[in-house]
Each structure stands twice: as C-alpha cells, then as structure tokens.
Amino acid sequence: MKRLIEIRNQEFLCRERALLDSERKIFWLAKAEEWERCALDEIALHFRECNLDVTHSLPAAH
C-alpha cells in the first residue's frame, strides 16, 4: 500500500501543477490521469493478491 500512497501523491502533484501552470494545464492533467490509472492498477493487483491468498488458504473441497 505504500506504493499506492506514492502514486496518489504524484497524481495530486500533477493536478496541483495543472492549477498553477495554465499554459501546460492539459499536459499536467494528462499526467495526473496516467498516475490515476497506475493507482487503479495497483489497487487491482492488491485485490488479486488478496484473493489468491484466500483461495490458497481454503481447504480443498472433496
């Protein structure tokens, strides 16, 4: 989850930069969206890993 925090921080910085840099606002918003997609990928990976852990810890059905 530490990685997710770092990714969200980068997204926030890009969005903040977009507010301050009107000439390159679109660039910074596009970068923020890239970071947002990375965050969503990181969340999905976390849930896949959690589901694998749960699946492996369940007893086999007979």
N, C-alpha and C. Protein backbone atom coordinates (compact mmCIF):
# COMPACT_ATOMS: atom_id res chain seq x y z
N MET A 1 0.81 -1.19 0.00
CA MET A 1 0.00 0.00 0.00
C MET A 1 0.86 1.27 0.00
N LYS A 2 2.10 1.13 0.41
CA LYS A 2 2.99 2.29 0.39
C LYS A 2 3.14 2.81 -1.04
N ARG A 3 3.22 1.88 -1.99
CA ARG A 3 3.34 2.28 -3.39
C ARG A 3 2.10 3.05 -3.84
N LEU A 4 0.93 2.64 -3.40
CA LEU A 4 -0.30 3.33 -3.77
C LEU A 4 -0.28 4.77 -3.25
N ILE A 5 0.20 4.96 -2.05
CA ILE A 5 0.31 6.31 -1.48
C ILE A 5 1.24 7.16 -2.33
N GLU A 6 2.36 6.60 -2.75
CA GLU A 6 3.31 7.34 -3.58
C GLU A 6 2.69 7.70 -4.93
N ILE A 7 1.95 6.77 -5.52
CA ILE A 7 1.31 7.02 -6.81
C ILE A 7 0.26 8.11 -6.67
N ARG A 8 -0.57 8.02 -5.64
CA ARG A 8 -1.61 9.04 -5.43
C ARG A 8 -0.98 10.41 -5.17
N ASN A 9 0.15 10.43 -4.50
CA ASN A 9 0.85 11.68 -4.25
C ASN A 9 1.30 12.31 -5.57
N GLN A 10 1.84 11.49 -6.47
CA GLN A 10 2.25 12.01 -7.78
C GLN A 10 1.04 12.55 -8.56
N GLU A 11 -0.07 11.83 -8.48
CA GLU A 11 -1.29 12.30 -9.14
C GLU A 11 -1.70 13.66 -8.58
N PHE A 12 -1.68 13.79 -7.27
CA PHE A 12 -2.04 15.05 -6.63
C PHE A 12 -1.12 16.18 -7.08
N LEU A 13 0.18 15.91 -7.12
CA LEU A 13 1.13 16.94 -7.52
C LEU A 13 0.87 17.41 -8.96
N CYS A 14 0.54 16.48 -9.83
CA CYS A 14 0.24 16.85 -11.22
C CYS A 14 -1.03 17.70 -11.29
N ARG A 15 -2.03 17.34 -10.51
CA ARG A 15 -3.27 18.13 -10.51
C ARG A 15 -3.03 19.53 -9.93
N GLU A 16 -2.22 19.59 -8.91
CA GLU A 16 -1.87 20.87 -8.31
C GLU A 16 -1.10 21.73 -9.32
N ARG A 17 -0.18 21.10 -10.01
CA ARG A 17 0.61 21.80 -11.03
C ARG A 17 -0.28 22.33 -12.15
N ALA A 18 -1.31 21.56 -12.51
CA ALA A 18 -2.26 21.99 -13.55
C ALA A 18 -2.97 23.28 -13.14
N LEU A 19 -3.25 23.41 -11.86
CA LEU A 19 -3.89 24.64 -11.37
C LEU A 19 -2.96 25.84 -11.45
N LEU A 20 -1.68 25.59 -11.26
CA LEU A 20 -0.71 26.68 -11.21
C LEU A 20 -0.11 27.03 -12.57
N ASP A 21 -0.13 26.11 -13.50
CA ASP A 21 0.52 26.29 -14.80
C ASP A 21 -0.54 26.27 -15.90
N SER A 22 -1.19 27.40 -16.11
CA SER A 22 -2.31 27.44 -17.07
C SER A 22 -1.86 27.15 -18.50
N GLU A 23 -0.63 27.46 -18.84
CA GLU A 23 -0.14 27.21 -20.20
C GLU A 23 0.00 25.72 -20.49
N ARG A 24 0.30 24.93 -19.46
CA ARG A 24 0.50 23.48 -19.65
C ARG A 24 -0.52 22.66 -18.86
N LYS A 25 -1.65 23.27 -18.59
CA LYS A 25 -2.69 22.62 -17.79
C LYS A 25 -3.08 21.26 -18.36
N ILE A 26 -3.30 21.20 -19.66
CA ILE A 26 -3.73 19.94 -20.29
C ILE A 26 -2.65 18.87 -20.13
N PHE A 27 -1.40 19.24 -20.28
CA PHE A 27 -0.30 18.30 -20.08
C PHE A 27 -0.33 17.72 -18.67
N TRP A 28 -0.45 18.60 -17.67
CA TRP A 28 -0.42 18.13 -16.28
C TRP A 28 -1.63 17.30 -15.93
N LEU A 29 -2.79 17.65 -16.49
CA LEU A 29 -3.98 16.83 -16.24
C LEU A 29 -3.84 15.45 -16.89
N ALA A 30 -3.22 15.39 -18.05
CA ALA A 30 -2.98 14.10 -18.70
C ALA A 30 -2.03 13.25 -17.86
N LYS A 31 -1.00 13.88 -17.32
CA LYS A 31 -0.07 13.15 -16.44
C LYS A 31 -0.80 12.66 -15.18
N ALA A 32 -1.67 13.48 -14.64
CA ALA A 32 -2.44 13.08 -13.46
C ALA A 32 -3.31 11.86 -13.78
N GLU A 33 -3.89 11.85 -14.96
CA GLU A 33 -4.71 10.70 -15.36
C GLU A 33 -3.87 9.44 -15.51
N GLU A 34 -2.65 9.59 -16.00
CA GLU A 34 -1.74 8.43 -16.08
C GLU A 34 -1.48 7.88 -14.68
N TRP A 35 -1.22 8.76 -13.73
CA TRP A 35 -0.97 8.32 -12.35
C TRP A 35 -2.22 7.69 -11.76
N GLU A 36 -3.39 8.24 -12.10
CA GLU A 36 -4.64 7.66 -11.60
C GLU A 36 -4.82 6.24 -12.12
N ARG A 37 -4.51 6.01 -13.40
CA ARG A 37 -4.60 4.65 -13.96
C ARG A 37 -3.62 3.72 -13.25
N CYS A 38 -2.42 4.22 -12.96
CA CYS A 38 -1.44 3.41 -12.22
C CYS A 38 -1.99 3.04 -10.84
N ALA A 39 -2.64 3.99 -10.19
CA ALA A 39 -3.22 3.72 -8.87
C ALA A 39 -4.29 2.65 -8.95
N LEU A 40 -5.15 2.74 -9.96
CA LEU A 40 -6.20 1.74 -10.13
C LEU A 40 -5.61 0.36 -10.42
N ASP A 41 -4.54 0.33 -11.20
CA ASP A 41 -3.85 -0.94 -11.46
C ASP A 41 -3.26 -1.51 -10.17
N GLU A 42 -2.69 -0.64 -9.36
CA GLU A 42 -2.10 -1.07 -8.09
C GLU A 42 -3.17 -1.63 -7.15
N ILE A 43 -4.33 -0.99 -7.12
CA ILE A 43 -5.44 -1.47 -6.29
C ILE A 43 -5.91 -2.83 -6.79
N ALA A 44 -6.06 -2.97 -8.10
CA ALA A 44 -6.50 -4.25 -8.68
C ALA A 44 -5.50 -5.35 -8.35
N LEU A 45 -4.22 -5.05 -8.46
CA LEU A 45 -3.18 -6.03 -8.13
C LEU A 45 -3.29 -6.46 -6.67
N HIS A 46 -3.50 -5.50 -5.80
CA HIS A 46 -3.63 -5.80 -4.37
C HIS A 46 -4.79 -6.77 -4.12
N PHE A 47 -5.94 -6.52 -4.76
CA PHE A 47 -7.09 -7.40 -4.56
C PHE A 47 -6.86 -8.77 -5.17
N ARG A 48 -6.19 -8.83 -6.32
CA ARG A 48 -5.88 -10.14 -6.90
C ARG A 48 -4.98 -10.93 -5.96
N GLU A 49 -3.98 -10.27 -5.41
CA GLU A 49 -3.07 -10.94 -4.48
C GLU A 49 -3.82 -11.41 -3.23
N CYS A 50 -4.71 -10.58 -2.72
CA CYS A 50 -5.50 -10.96 -1.54
C CYS A 50 -6.39 -12.15 -1.85
N ASN A 51 -7.01 -12.15 -3.01
CA ASN A 51 -7.88 -13.26 -3.39
C ASN A 51 -7.08 -14.55 -3.58
N LEU A 52 -5.88 -14.45 -4.10
CA LEU A 52 -5.04 -15.63 -4.24
C LEU A 52 -4.69 -16.19 -2.86
N ASP A 53 -4.38 -15.31 -1.92
CA ASP A 53 -4.05 -15.75 -0.56
C ASP A 53 -5.24 -16.47 0.07
N VAL A 54 -6.43 -15.93 -0.10
CA VAL A 54 -7.64 -16.55 0.47
C VAL A 54 -7.89 -17.89 -0.19
N THR A 55 -7.78 -17.95 -1.51
CA THR A 55 -8.02 -19.19 -2.25
C THR A 55 -7.04 -20.28 -1.82
N HIS A 56 -5.79 -19.93 -1.63
CA HIS A 56 -4.78 -20.92 -1.25
C HIS A 56 -4.93 -21.37 0.20
N SER A 57 -5.55 -20.56 1.03
CA SER A 57 -5.69 -20.95 2.44
C SER A 57 -6.96 -21.75 2.71
N LEU A 58 -7.87 -21.83 1.73
CA LEU A 58 -9.09 -22.61 1.90
C LEU A 58 -8.80 -24.10 1.73
N PRO A 59 -9.47 -24.94 2.53
CA PRO A 59 -9.28 -26.39 2.36
C PRO A 59 -9.92 -26.84 1.04
N ALA A 60 -9.35 -27.84 0.43
CA ALA A 60 -9.87 -28.36 -0.84
C ALA A 60 -11.19 -29.07 -0.59
N ALA A 61 -12.15 -28.84 -1.48
CA ALA A 61 -13.46 -29.50 -1.38
C ALA A 61 -13.36 -30.89 -1.98
N HIS A 62 -13.99 -31.84 -1.31
CA HIS A 62 -13.96 -33.22 -1.82
C HIS A 62 -15.33 -33.67 -2.18
